[in-house]
Amino acid sequence: MEVEGGGFAIGQRCRVGEYFATILYVGAVPPSQGEWVGVEWDDANRGKHSGDNDGVQYFSCKPGGGSFVRPKKINRGVTFLEAVRQRYADGGGVADTDDNGDDDDMFVVDEASRLTKVYMVGKDKITEKLSQVDMLRDISLRDMLISSAGGDSEQIGATLPSLKELDLSHNLLSTWNDVAAITTGLKKLNSLNISENRLAPPPDFSAGLSSGFGSLTKLFVNKMNLQWSEVQFIAATFQAIQELHLCQNHIKALHQLAGFQHLKLLNLEDNYLTDWDVVLDTLASLPVLEVLILSGNQLTSVVVKDTGQFTSLHSLSLNRNLINEWQSVNALIKLRSLRELKFRDNPLVEASSEPAYTARQLLIARLGEITTLNNSEVSLKERQASERYYIKRYAQDWIASRNTKEDEATFSNEHPRFAELVVVHGSPDVAMQSSASKLTMKDSLLSLTILCPDDPTQKQVVKKLPSTMTVMKLKALLYRLYKVDPVIQKLSYKDSKGKEFELSDDMKELSFYSVANGDTILLRW
């Protein structure tokens, strides 16, 4: 950075009051006297202009994001070593002493704003432990206003020889060189969080920064307004990286990417990605990528062209996107290693009037290898019930599709696993699909009382249900009534003699268990 008057540097990060900014000008601003510092605020709403005054352009920034402030108001922060001493070596975390200098007194403020003395048990041991900086393995220096290293690599390495995890988020670091100056001496460091720092783009990828980041396997660079060129810089520089978090960086597009040969987890949550093809072209060839997080973007569809893409991908997060077609779910079948899927808050499942559990069943049935869905394990029992429900749900469409080869091909494209499920579970019972059976449904309605014996606050309900209703459909009904997830529901019934029987098989009908008119359904969880 170019140093200007007063020791300020163009591009230097600073804080003015409670607000963060970047210095873009140092000098006179006529007709006023004295020196001014032109800054661009992180919060664009705080500025007054775009770096101009009385028709003269002193610096350029986003519209309305600039101000001129006096140098005395500028806080340029502290060094890394000073921050370490403040938070750890000087007993950081121990309360300030009172006016009498009694180091043993600590106070808390209650809701009535009264001070109450708290006696710390083992306080001396806590302070002693904090002072043993050379033994620290994990430190957080968030919001410490760190702007530079404050020592050479040997000094930093000697101060923190055991350090493995370092949080430098939301500080005043200005360049990647500032970061490297801190990390070069930390030979055991494997995890670094520099989120919410505004680093100037590196001018030259061959600047030899790799030695400062050689041991790092985990990097957090969230909320830094990174351009994709900086991601390419990370790929070239952080050669051992295995886990990379790039959340909330306003990334709209991905481009050619070289490197990341060891990357196992990539987190692109809460960006602005809209085109799955771009994701595929850029990331599908990463050789060992196991976890891809794309939640909170604007993807409308998913297309996997062949089974040779994302060959190692085990977990995919697509929560909070704009996916509204089942073909996108079908496409995931081609991801042969995929075992975990997160798919909440997409229009496909949220806009439906059906219960959430129904959408879960359809997802499970369409994806035969998934073992965890939305952070919940898919049990063998749940998979079997979901697949059988899927067969029944689309049985009539399947039967109708066999009229012509064209209809059969269309159905197969929309339901690529249906034929496989028929082989596993058998053909759907056509008799159950016939209109004739529907006409006789009234004759088999049972008046049943439903109650929750373990929770007397839940209301008792009387429902007329067909004897042909399956236990699985009964669970779906109870979900609507009591909001109890079908996965954890435990059902039984009491007959007229007071004997209780378990309803253990989701695919069996109530008639199978001899449930009769006037019996009581018991819901537990």
Protein backbone atom coordinates (compact mmCIF):
# COMPACT_ATOMS: atom_id res chain seq x y z
CA MET A 1 0.00 0.00 0.00
CA GLU A 2 1.19 3.53 -0.80
CA VAL A 3 1.91 5.50 2.40
CA GLU A 4 0.58 9.04 2.48
CA GLY A 5 0.78 11.86 5.04
CA GLY A 6 0.45 11.09 8.75
CA GLY A 7 1.48 7.49 8.20
CA PHE A 8 -1.84 6.62 6.59
CA ALA A 9 -1.80 4.29 3.59
CA ILE A 10 -4.19 4.15 0.66
CA GLY A 11 -6.19 0.96 0.97
CA GLN A 12 -5.60 0.72 4.73
CA ARG A 13 -8.51 -0.47 6.83
CA CYS A 14 -9.64 1.62 9.79
CA ARG A 15 -12.45 2.26 12.21
CA VAL A 16 -14.12 5.60 12.83
CA GLY A 17 -16.27 5.51 15.92
CA GLU A 18 -18.13 2.23 15.61
CA TYR A 19 -17.94 2.03 11.83
CA PHE A 20 -15.44 0.25 9.58
CA ALA A 21 -14.01 1.86 6.45
CA THR A 22 -11.17 1.83 3.91
CA ILE A 23 -8.82 4.80 3.48
CA LEU A 24 -8.77 6.03 -0.14
CA TYR A 25 -7.36 9.56 0.17
CA VAL A 26 -5.09 11.55 2.50
CA GLY A 27 -4.49 15.27 2.02
CA ALA A 28 -6.01 18.72 1.79
CA VAL A 29 -9.62 19.40 0.83
CA PRO A 30 -9.85 23.14 0.06
CA PRO A 31 -11.14 25.54 1.12
CA SER A 32 -10.95 23.96 4.61
CA GLN A 33 -7.63 23.98 6.44
CA GLY A 34 -5.56 21.01 7.54
CA GLU A 35 -5.37 17.37 6.53
CA TRP A 36 -8.35 15.14 5.72
CA VAL A 37 -8.73 11.40 5.29
CA GLY A 38 -11.14 10.21 2.61
CA VAL A 39 -12.80 6.91 3.45
CA GLU A 40 -15.26 4.50 1.88
CA TRP A 41 -17.59 3.08 4.50
CA ASP A 42 -18.43 -0.61 4.68
CA ASP A 43 -21.97 0.59 5.32
CA ALA A 44 -22.73 2.53 2.13
CA ASN A 45 -25.68 4.26 3.79
CA ARG A 46 -23.34 6.13 6.11
CA GLY A 47 -21.55 8.09 3.37
CA LYS A 48 -22.30 11.56 2.04
CA HIS A 49 -20.74 11.53 -1.42
CA SER A 50 -18.67 9.48 -3.88
CA GLY A 51 -15.26 10.97 -3.08
CA ASP A 52 -15.87 14.43 -4.47
CA ASN A 53 -16.15 17.90 -2.98
CA ASP A 54 -17.05 21.18 -4.71
CA GLY A 55 -16.67 19.57 -8.12
CA VAL A 56 -13.24 18.03 -7.41
CA GLN A 57 -12.92 14.20 -7.40
CA TYR A 58 -10.45 13.20 -4.67
CA PHE A 59 -11.15 9.47 -4.74
CA SER A 60 -13.69 7.07 -6.21
CA CYS A 61 -16.06 4.75 -4.34
CA LYS A 62 -19.55 3.36 -4.62
CA PRO A 63 -22.21 6.08 -4.90
CA GLY A 64 -22.92 7.73 -1.58
CA GLY A 65 -20.37 5.56 0.25
CA GLY A 66 -17.65 8.16 0.96
CA SER A 67 -16.80 10.75 3.59
CA PHE A 68 -13.95 13.01 4.66
CA VAL A 69 -12.91 12.71 8.31
CA ARG A 70 -10.16 14.25 10.41
CA PRO A 71 -7.10 12.05 11.11
CA LYS A 72 -7.63 12.22 14.89
CA LYS A 73 -10.87 10.29 14.49
CA ILE A 74 -9.17 7.42 12.67
CA ASN A 75 -8.47 4.22 14.62
CA ARG A 76 -5.89 2.18 12.71
CA GLY A 77 -6.07 -0.75 15.08
CA VAL A 78 -3.48 -2.84 16.93
CA THR A 79 -0.97 -5.51 15.97
CA PHE A 80 -1.62 -9.22 16.17
CA LEU A 81 0.83 -9.70 19.04
CA GLU A 82 -0.71 -6.81 20.97
CA ALA A 83 -4.16 -8.39 20.57
CA VAL A 84 -2.84 -11.75 21.80
CA ARG A 85 -1.39 -10.10 24.88
CA GLN A 86 -4.58 -8.12 25.55
CA ARG A 87 -6.89 -11.11 25.33
CA TYR A 88 -4.72 -13.86 26.77
CA ALA A 89 -1.39 -12.92 28.32
CA ASP A 90 -2.83 -10.00 30.32
CA GLY A 91 -5.70 -12.10 31.71
CA GLY A 92 -8.23 -11.26 29.02
CA GLY A 93 -11.70 -12.38 29.91
CA VAL A 94 -11.27 -11.50 33.60
CA ALA A 95 -13.51 -8.59 34.60
CA ASP A 96 -12.17 -5.08 35.01
CA THR A 97 -11.25 -4.14 38.55
CA ASP A 98 -13.24 -1.60 40.55
CA ASP A 99 -12.01 1.83 41.52
CA ASN A 100 -10.32 0.43 44.63
CA GLY A 101 -8.17 -1.88 42.55
CA ASP A 102 -9.52 -5.03 44.18
CA ASP A 103 -8.57 -7.66 41.60
CA ASP A 104 -10.67 -10.30 43.32
CA ASP A 105 -14.00 -8.54 42.82
CA MET A 106 -16.25 -9.27 39.86
CA PHE A 107 -19.79 -7.97 39.44
CA VAL A 108 -22.83 -8.80 37.33
CA VAL A 109 -25.77 -6.52 36.57
CA ASP A 110 -29.28 -7.88 37.16
CA GLU A 111 -32.51 -6.84 35.41
CA ALA A 112 -32.98 -3.96 37.87
CA SER A 113 -29.49 -2.61 37.03
CA ARG A 114 -28.17 -3.55 40.46
CA LEU A 115 -24.58 -4.70 40.92
CA THR A 116 -24.04 -8.05 42.59
CA LYS A 117 -20.61 -9.27 43.61
CA VAL A 118 -19.60 -12.67 42.22
CA TYR A 119 -16.84 -14.69 43.85
CA MET A 120 -14.81 -16.59 41.25
CA VAL A 121 -13.84 -20.10 42.30
CA GLY A 122 -10.39 -20.92 40.96
CA LYS A 123 -9.97 -17.49 39.34
CA ASP A 124 -6.20 -17.55 39.84
CA LYS A 125 -5.97 -20.86 38.01
CA ILE A 126 -8.04 -19.48 35.12
CA THR A 127 -5.79 -16.43 34.83
CA GLU A 128 -2.70 -18.61 35.02
CA LYS A 129 -4.00 -20.87 32.28
CA LEU A 130 -4.83 -17.89 30.04
CA SER A 131 -1.34 -16.51 30.57
CA GLN A 132 0.30 -19.67 29.24
CA VAL A 133 0.07 -18.41 25.68
CA ASP A 134 2.66 -20.80 24.31
CA MET A 135 0.32 -23.70 25.12
CA LEU A 136 -2.74 -22.29 23.36
CA ARG A 137 -4.05 -24.41 20.48
CA ASP A 138 -7.20 -22.48 19.59
CA ILE A 139 -7.63 -18.71 19.95
CA SER A 140 -10.30 -16.22 18.91
CA LEU A 141 -9.28 -12.63 18.20
CA ARG A 142 -12.51 -11.53 16.57
CA ASP A 143 -13.24 -7.80 16.81
CA MET A 144 -9.82 -6.94 18.22
CA LEU A 145 -9.09 -4.33 15.49
CA ILE A 146 -5.98 -6.20 14.30
CA SER A 147 -4.35 -4.43 11.36
CA SER A 148 -0.84 -5.92 11.18
CA ALA A 149 1.40 -8.69 12.52
CA GLY A 150 3.47 -6.68 15.01
CA GLY A 151 6.51 -8.93 14.73
CA ASP A 152 8.39 -11.19 12.36
CA SER A 153 7.45 -14.80 11.69
CA GLU A 154 9.96 -16.16 14.18
CA GLN A 155 8.62 -13.98 16.98
CA ILE A 156 5.00 -14.94 16.24
CA GLY A 157 5.95 -18.61 15.97
CA ALA A 158 7.80 -18.49 19.29
CA THR A 159 4.82 -16.80 20.97
CA LEU A 160 2.26 -19.37 19.76
CA PRO A 161 4.16 -22.55 18.90
CA SER A 162 1.19 -24.86 19.58
CA LEU A 163 -1.52 -22.90 17.77
CA LYS A 164 -3.75 -24.96 15.44
CA GLU A 165 -6.92 -22.87 15.05
CA LEU A 166 -7.03 -19.07 14.66
CA ASP A 167 -10.05 -16.76 14.37
CA LEU A 168 -9.17 -13.32 12.95
CA SER A 169 -12.68 -12.47 11.75
CA HIS A 170 -13.99 -8.89 11.65
CA ASN A 171 -10.68 -7.08 12.09
CA LEU A 172 -8.80 -4.39 10.16
CA LEU A 173 -6.54 -6.53 7.97
CA SER A 174 -6.06 -4.86 4.59
CA THR A 175 -4.19 -7.32 2.34
CA TRP A 176 -3.39 -11.00 1.94
CA ASN A 177 0.20 -10.05 2.81
CA ASP A 178 -1.05 -8.86 6.23
CA VAL A 179 -2.59 -12.29 6.77
CA ALA A 180 0.50 -14.16 5.56
CA ALA A 181 2.72 -12.08 7.85
CA ILE A 182 0.75 -13.50 10.80
CA THR A 183 0.41 -17.12 9.66
CA THR A 184 3.89 -17.79 8.22
CA GLY A 185 5.42 -18.47 11.62
CA LEU A 186 2.52 -20.61 12.88
CA LYS A 187 3.82 -23.96 11.68
CA LYS A 188 1.06 -26.07 13.27
CA LEU A 189 -1.82 -23.88 12.13
CA ASN A 190 -4.46 -25.84 10.19
CA SER A 191 -7.63 -23.72 10.54
CA LEU A 192 -7.93 -19.99 9.78
CA ASN A 193 -11.00 -17.75 9.91
CA ILE A 194 -10.53 -14.32 8.29
CA SER A 195 -14.22 -13.71 7.54
CA GLU A 196 -15.53 -10.12 7.45
CA ASN A 197 -12.15 -8.61 6.61
CA ARG A 198 -12.05 -6.50 3.44
CA LEU A 199 -8.79 -7.57 1.77
CA ALA A 200 -7.54 -5.83 -1.35
CA PRO A 201 -7.40 -8.24 -4.34
CA PRO A 202 -3.90 -9.73 -4.66
CA PRO A 203 -2.04 -7.92 -7.48
CA ASP A 204 0.05 -10.92 -8.51
CA PHE A 205 -0.75 -14.60 -7.97
CA SER A 206 2.97 -15.41 -8.12
CA ALA A 207 3.78 -13.22 -5.14
CA GLY A 208 5.08 -16.23 -3.21
CA LEU A 209 2.43 -16.28 -0.47
CA SER A 210 2.05 -20.07 -0.49
CA SER A 211 4.66 -20.50 2.25
CA GLY A 212 2.50 -18.48 4.61
CA PHE A 213 -0.48 -20.79 4.15
CA GLY A 214 1.19 -24.12 3.47
CA SER A 215 -0.13 -25.99 6.52
CA LEU A 216 -3.72 -24.75 6.33
CA THR A 217 -6.44 -27.32 5.62
CA LYS A 218 -9.50 -25.28 6.68
CA LEU A 219 -10.27 -21.68 5.59
CA PHE A 220 -13.23 -19.40 6.37
CA VAL A 221 -13.57 -16.35 4.10
CA ASN A 222 -17.25 -15.46 4.59
CA LYS A 223 -18.76 -11.99 4.02
CA MET A 224 -15.66 -10.53 2.37
CA ASN A 225 -17.11 -9.39 -1.00
CA LEU A 226 -14.68 -11.73 -2.76
CA GLN A 227 -14.48 -11.82 -6.54
CA TRP A 228 -14.09 -15.19 -8.28
CA SER A 229 -10.54 -14.18 -9.23
CA GLU A 230 -9.74 -14.19 -5.50
CA VAL A 231 -11.17 -17.68 -5.20
CA GLN A 232 -8.80 -18.67 -8.01
CA PHE A 233 -6.00 -17.06 -5.99
CA ILE A 234 -7.00 -19.16 -2.96
CA ALA A 235 -6.98 -22.31 -5.11
CA ALA A 236 -3.46 -21.54 -6.31
CA THR A 237 -2.09 -20.39 -2.95
CA PHE A 238 -3.73 -22.62 -0.31
CA GLN A 239 -2.50 -25.84 -1.84
CA ALA A 240 -3.33 -28.15 1.08
CA ILE A 241 -6.83 -26.79 1.67
CA GLN A 242 -9.50 -29.42 2.40
CA GLU A 243 -12.38 -27.27 3.66
CA LEU A 244 -13.35 -23.86 2.23
CA HIS A 245 -16.21 -21.62 3.37
CA LEU A 246 -17.25 -18.83 0.95
CA CYS A 247 -20.63 -17.81 2.38
CA GLN A 248 -22.31 -14.45 1.71
CA ASN A 249 -19.80 -13.13 -0.81
CA HIS A 250 -22.35 -12.03 -3.45
CA ILE A 251 -20.86 -14.54 -5.90
CA LYS A 252 -23.04 -14.67 -9.02
CA ALA A 253 -20.97 -16.82 -11.36
CA LEU A 254 -18.19 -19.41 -11.29
CA HIS A 255 -15.39 -19.58 -13.82
CA GLN A 256 -12.46 -21.79 -14.70
CA LEU A 257 -10.81 -23.17 -11.62
CA ALA A 258 -7.38 -24.79 -11.26
CA GLY A 259 -6.27 -26.35 -8.01
CA PHE A 260 -8.22 -27.62 -5.02
CA GLN A 261 -6.91 -31.13 -5.57
CA HIS A 262 -7.43 -31.92 -1.88
CA LEU A 263 -10.70 -30.02 -1.34
CA LYS A 264 -13.31 -32.17 0.44
CA LEU A 265 -15.84 -29.55 1.56
CA LEU A 266 -16.94 -26.41 -0.30
CA ASN A 267 -19.49 -24.07 1.26
CA LEU A 268 -21.09 -21.51 -1.12
CA GLU A 269 -24.13 -20.82 1.04
CA ASP A 270 -26.05 -17.55 0.64
CA ASN A 271 -24.56 -16.32 -2.61
CA TYR A 272 -26.34 -15.48 -5.89
CA LEU A 273 -25.75 -18.55 -8.06
CA THR A 274 -28.54 -19.15 -10.58
CA ASP A 275 -27.13 -21.53 -13.19
CA TRP A 276 -26.53 -25.16 -12.26
CA ASP A 277 -24.64 -25.79 -15.51
CA VAL A 278 -22.00 -23.30 -14.38
CA VAL A 279 -21.74 -25.10 -11.03
CA LEU A 280 -21.38 -28.38 -12.87
CA ASP A 281 -18.75 -27.16 -15.33
CA THR A 282 -16.64 -25.55 -12.60
CA LEU A 283 -16.89 -27.96 -9.68
CA ALA A 284 -17.90 -31.41 -10.97
CA SER A 285 -14.33 -32.41 -11.73
CA LEU A 286 -12.93 -31.71 -8.26
CA PRO A 287 -11.44 -35.13 -7.55
CA VAL A 288 -12.15 -35.60 -3.83
CA LEU A 289 -15.05 -33.19 -3.17
CA GLU A 290 -17.34 -34.93 -0.67
CA VAL A 291 -19.55 -32.11 0.67
CA LEU A 292 -21.05 -29.30 -1.43
CA ILE A 293 -23.21 -26.66 0.27
CA LEU A 294 -25.29 -24.52 -2.11
CA SER A 295 -28.10 -23.53 0.24
CA GLY A 296 -29.51 -20.03 0.02
CA ASN A 297 -28.76 -19.45 -3.67
CA GLN A 298 -31.18 -18.97 -6.60
CA LEU A 299 -30.86 -22.28 -8.43
CA THR A 300 -34.03 -23.24 -10.30
CA SER A 301 -33.03 -26.69 -11.53
CA VAL A 302 -30.43 -29.43 -11.27
CA VAL A 303 -29.12 -31.39 -14.23
CA VAL A 304 -26.48 -34.12 -14.02
CA LYS A 305 -25.26 -35.08 -17.47
CA ASP A 306 -23.55 -38.37 -16.65
CA THR A 307 -22.46 -40.56 -13.76
CA GLY A 308 -18.85 -39.43 -14.10
CA GLN A 309 -19.54 -36.05 -12.46
CA PHE A 310 -19.08 -35.36 -8.74
CA THR A 311 -17.77 -38.90 -8.35
CA SER A 312 -16.84 -38.43 -4.67
CA LEU A 313 -19.78 -36.25 -3.62
CA HIS A 314 -21.36 -37.70 -0.48
CA SER A 315 -23.44 -34.76 0.80
CA LEU A 316 -25.33 -32.03 -1.11
CA SER A 317 -27.18 -29.09 0.49
CA LEU A 318 -29.79 -27.35 -1.66
CA ASN A 319 -31.94 -25.72 1.04
CA ARG A 320 -33.53 -22.36 0.26
CA ASN A 321 -33.23 -22.40 -3.51
CA LEU A 322 -35.93 -22.03 -6.20
CA ILE A 323 -36.20 -25.64 -7.39
CA ASN A 324 -39.73 -26.46 -8.47
CA GLU A 325 -39.55 -29.64 -10.57
CA TRP A 326 -39.16 -33.31 -9.71
CA GLN A 327 -36.80 -33.83 -12.65
CA SER A 328 -34.15 -31.98 -10.61
CA VAL A 329 -34.56 -34.59 -7.89
CA ASN A 330 -34.45 -37.41 -10.44
CA ALA A 331 -31.16 -36.01 -11.76
CA LEU A 332 -29.52 -36.65 -8.39
CA ILE A 333 -29.84 -40.41 -9.01
CA LYS A 334 -26.77 -40.08 -11.26
CA LEU A 335 -24.64 -38.92 -8.32
CA ARG A 336 -23.57 -42.43 -7.40
CA SER A 337 -21.84 -41.53 -4.13
CA LEU A 338 -24.60 -39.23 -2.81
CA ARG A 339 -25.92 -40.37 0.58
CA GLU A 340 -27.03 -37.14 2.27
CA LEU A 341 -29.38 -34.48 0.86
CA LYS A 342 -30.71 -31.24 2.35
CA PHE A 343 -33.68 -29.92 0.38
CA ARG A 344 -35.81 -27.75 2.69
CA ASP A 345 -37.53 -24.52 1.64
CA ASN A 346 -37.69 -25.13 -2.09
CA PRO A 347 -40.99 -24.35 -3.91
CA LEU A 348 -41.25 -28.01 -4.95
CA VAL A 349 -41.84 -29.09 -1.35
CA GLU A 350 -42.99 -25.87 0.32
CA ALA A 351 -45.65 -24.74 -2.16
CA SER A 352 -47.46 -28.08 -1.99
CA SER A 353 -50.68 -28.32 0.03
CA GLU A 354 -49.66 -31.79 1.15
CA PRO A 355 -48.06 -32.48 4.55
CA ALA A 356 -44.30 -32.08 4.77
CA TYR A 357 -43.99 -35.78 5.50
CA THR A 358 -45.52 -36.64 2.11
CA ALA A 359 -42.82 -34.62 0.34
CA ARG A 360 -40.22 -36.43 2.43
CA GLN A 361 -41.65 -39.80 1.35
CA LEU A 362 -41.53 -38.82 -2.31
CA LEU A 363 -37.91 -37.65 -2.01
CA ILE A 364 -36.89 -40.89 -0.29
CA ALA A 365 -38.65 -43.04 -2.87
CA ARG A 366 -37.09 -41.22 -5.82
CA LEU A 367 -33.55 -41.38 -4.38
CA GLY A 368 -32.76 -44.98 -3.57
CA GLU A 369 -29.28 -44.46 -2.07
CA ILE A 370 -30.03 -41.57 0.29
CA THR A 371 -29.47 -42.49 3.95
CA THR A 372 -29.93 -39.02 5.49
CA LEU A 373 -32.53 -36.46 4.39
CA ASN A 374 -32.73 -32.98 5.92
CA ASN A 375 -30.49 -34.04 8.80
CA SER A 376 -32.75 -36.99 9.67
CA GLU A 377 -31.69 -40.59 9.15
CA VAL A 378 -33.72 -42.65 6.68
CA SER A 379 -34.39 -45.97 8.37
CA LEU A 380 -35.04 -49.18 6.45
CA LYS A 381 -38.62 -49.15 7.72
CA GLU A 382 -39.18 -45.57 6.54
CA ARG A 383 -37.67 -46.34 3.15
CA GLN A 384 -39.91 -49.34 2.63
CA ALA A 385 -43.02 -47.39 3.65
CA SER A 386 -42.07 -44.46 1.40
CA GLU A 387 -41.44 -46.64 -1.63
CA ARG A 388 -44.69 -48.53 -1.18
CA TYR A 389 -46.59 -45.27 -0.82
CA TYR A 390 -44.93 -44.01 -3.99
CA ILE A 391 -46.05 -47.10 -5.90
CA LYS A 392 -49.64 -46.69 -4.73
CA ARG A 393 -49.66 -42.95 -5.43
CA TYR A 394 -48.67 -43.34 -9.07
CA ALA A 395 -50.19 -46.78 -9.75
CA GLN A 396 -52.99 -45.51 -11.98
CA ASP A 397 -50.56 -43.36 -14.03
CA TRP A 398 -48.31 -46.40 -14.41
CA ILE A 399 -51.19 -48.57 -15.60
CA ALA A 400 -52.37 -45.91 -18.05
CA SER A 401 -48.87 -45.41 -19.42
CA ARG A 402 -48.71 -48.97 -20.72
CA ASN A 403 -51.20 -48.15 -23.50
CA THR A 404 -48.52 -46.83 -25.86
CA LYS A 405 -44.75 -46.88 -26.02
CA GLU A 406 -44.70 -43.09 -26.06
CA ASP A 407 -46.72 -42.90 -22.82
CA GLU A 408 -44.54 -45.58 -21.27
CA ALA A 409 -41.37 -43.63 -22.14
CA THR A 410 -42.86 -40.42 -20.70
CA PHE A 411 -43.78 -42.13 -17.44
CA SER A 412 -40.36 -43.77 -17.18
CA ASN A 413 -38.69 -40.39 -17.66
CA GLU A 414 -40.81 -38.81 -14.92
CA HIS A 415 -40.45 -41.81 -12.57
CA PRO A 416 -37.09 -43.45 -13.36
CA ARG A 417 -37.15 -45.69 -10.26
CA PHE A 418 -40.74 -46.94 -10.59
CA ALA A 419 -39.91 -50.14 -12.48
CA GLU A 420 -37.17 -50.92 -9.98
CA LEU A 421 -39.57 -50.39 -7.06
CA VAL A 422 -42.16 -52.69 -8.63
CA VAL A 423 -39.54 -55.43 -8.78
CA VAL A 424 -38.69 -54.89 -5.09
CA HIS A 425 -42.20 -54.43 -3.66
CA GLY A 426 -44.45 -56.01 -6.27
CA SER A 427 -47.04 -54.52 -8.63
CA PRO A 428 -49.63 -52.17 -7.12
CA ASP A 429 -52.95 -53.69 -6.11
CA VAL A 430 -55.11 -52.66 -9.07
CA ALA A 431 -58.26 -53.61 -7.22
CA MET A 432 -57.51 -50.89 -4.65
CA GLN A 433 -57.27 -48.34 -7.47
CA SER A 434 -60.61 -49.21 -9.04
CA SER A 435 -63.57 -46.92 -8.71
CA ALA A 436 -65.64 -49.87 -7.57
CA SER A 437 -63.68 -50.12 -4.35
CA LYS A 438 -64.20 -46.39 -3.78
CA LEU A 439 -67.95 -46.85 -3.97
CA THR A 440 -67.85 -49.33 -1.11
CA MET A 441 -65.71 -47.12 1.11
CA LYS A 442 -68.68 -45.69 2.99
CA ASP A 443 -69.66 -49.17 4.09
CA SER A 444 -66.31 -49.66 5.85
CA LEU A 445 -66.06 -46.39 7.79
CA LEU A 446 -65.12 -46.83 11.45
CA SER A 447 -65.87 -44.33 14.19
CA LEU A 448 -62.59 -44.13 16.15
CA THR A 449 -61.53 -42.06 19.14
CA ILE A 450 -57.99 -40.66 18.95
CA LEU A 451 -56.12 -39.61 22.08
CA CYS A 452 -52.59 -39.05 23.38
CA PRO A 453 -52.32 -40.92 26.71
CA ASP A 454 -48.91 -39.43 27.60
CA ASP A 455 -49.96 -35.83 26.99
CA PRO A 456 -53.33 -34.93 28.54
CA THR A 457 -53.09 -31.39 27.11
CA GLN A 458 -53.76 -32.76 23.63
CA LYS A 459 -57.42 -32.77 22.67
CA GLN A 460 -59.36 -36.01 22.12
CA VAL A 461 -60.73 -36.38 18.59
CA VAL A 462 -63.35 -38.66 17.05
CA LYS A 463 -62.87 -39.50 13.37
CA LYS A 464 -64.63 -41.72 10.85
CA LEU A 465 -61.94 -43.61 8.98
CA PRO A 466 -62.09 -46.39 6.36
CA SER A 467 -61.01 -49.82 7.47
CA THR A 468 -58.84 -49.91 4.35
CA MET A 469 -56.72 -46.99 5.58
CA THR A 470 -53.08 -47.97 6.06
CA VAL A 471 -51.17 -47.22 9.24
CA MET A 472 -48.91 -44.95 7.18
CA LYS A 473 -51.88 -42.82 6.04
CA LEU A 474 -53.17 -42.77 9.59
CA LYS A 475 -49.82 -41.33 10.69
CA ALA A 476 -50.11 -38.64 8.04
CA LEU A 477 -53.57 -37.75 9.38
CA LEU A 478 -52.25 -37.60 12.95
CA TYR A 479 -49.45 -35.31 11.78
CA ARG A 480 -52.06 -32.85 10.51
CA LEU A 481 -54.00 -33.09 13.78
CA TYR A 482 -51.16 -33.04 16.32
CA LYS A 483 -48.04 -31.92 14.38
CA VAL A 484 -46.10 -35.00 15.53
CA ASP A 485 -43.56 -36.19 12.98
CA PRO A 486 -44.68 -39.60 11.60
CA VAL A 487 -41.12 -40.84 12.00
CA ILE A 488 -41.41 -40.74 15.80
CA GLN A 489 -45.08 -41.70 16.12
CA LYS A 490 -45.86 -44.91 18.04
CA LEU A 491 -49.38 -46.16 17.40
CA SER A 492 -51.58 -48.72 19.08
CA TYR A 493 -55.30 -49.22 19.66
CA LYS A 494 -57.61 -50.41 22.43
CA ASP A 495 -60.56 -52.62 21.63
CA SER A 496 -63.91 -52.70 23.41
CA LYS A 497 -62.49 -55.03 26.08
CA GLY A 498 -59.66 -52.61 26.93
CA LYS A 499 -56.90 -54.72 25.38
CA GLU A 500 -54.14 -52.76 23.63
CA PHE A 501 -52.53 -53.84 20.36
CA GLU A 502 -49.58 -52.27 18.54
CA LEU A 503 -50.00 -50.97 14.98
CA SER A 504 -46.48 -51.89 13.93
CA ASP A 505 -46.53 -52.17 10.13
CA ASP A 506 -47.04 -48.91 8.23
CA MET A 507 -48.24 -50.73 5.12
CA LYS A 508 -50.97 -52.78 6.80
CA GLU A 509 -54.58 -51.64 6.77
CA LEU A 510 -56.60 -51.06 9.93
CA SER A 511 -58.72 -54.07 9.01
CA PHE A 512 -55.59 -56.26 9.17
CA TYR A 513 -55.34 -55.47 12.90
CA SER A 514 -59.09 -56.03 13.38
CA VAL A 515 -59.68 -52.41 14.37
CA ALA A 516 -63.44 -52.14 14.91
CA ASN A 517 -66.05 -49.44 15.19
CA GLY A 518 -65.80 -47.66 18.57
CA ASP A 519 -62.14 -48.58 19.25
CA THR A 520 -59.55 -46.04 20.47
CA ILE A 521 -56.36 -45.09 18.61
CA LEU A 522 -53.48 -44.25 21.00
CA LEU A 523 -50.75 -41.88 19.82
CA ARG A 524 -47.41 -41.75 21.65
CA TRP A 525 -44.01 -40.35 20.68
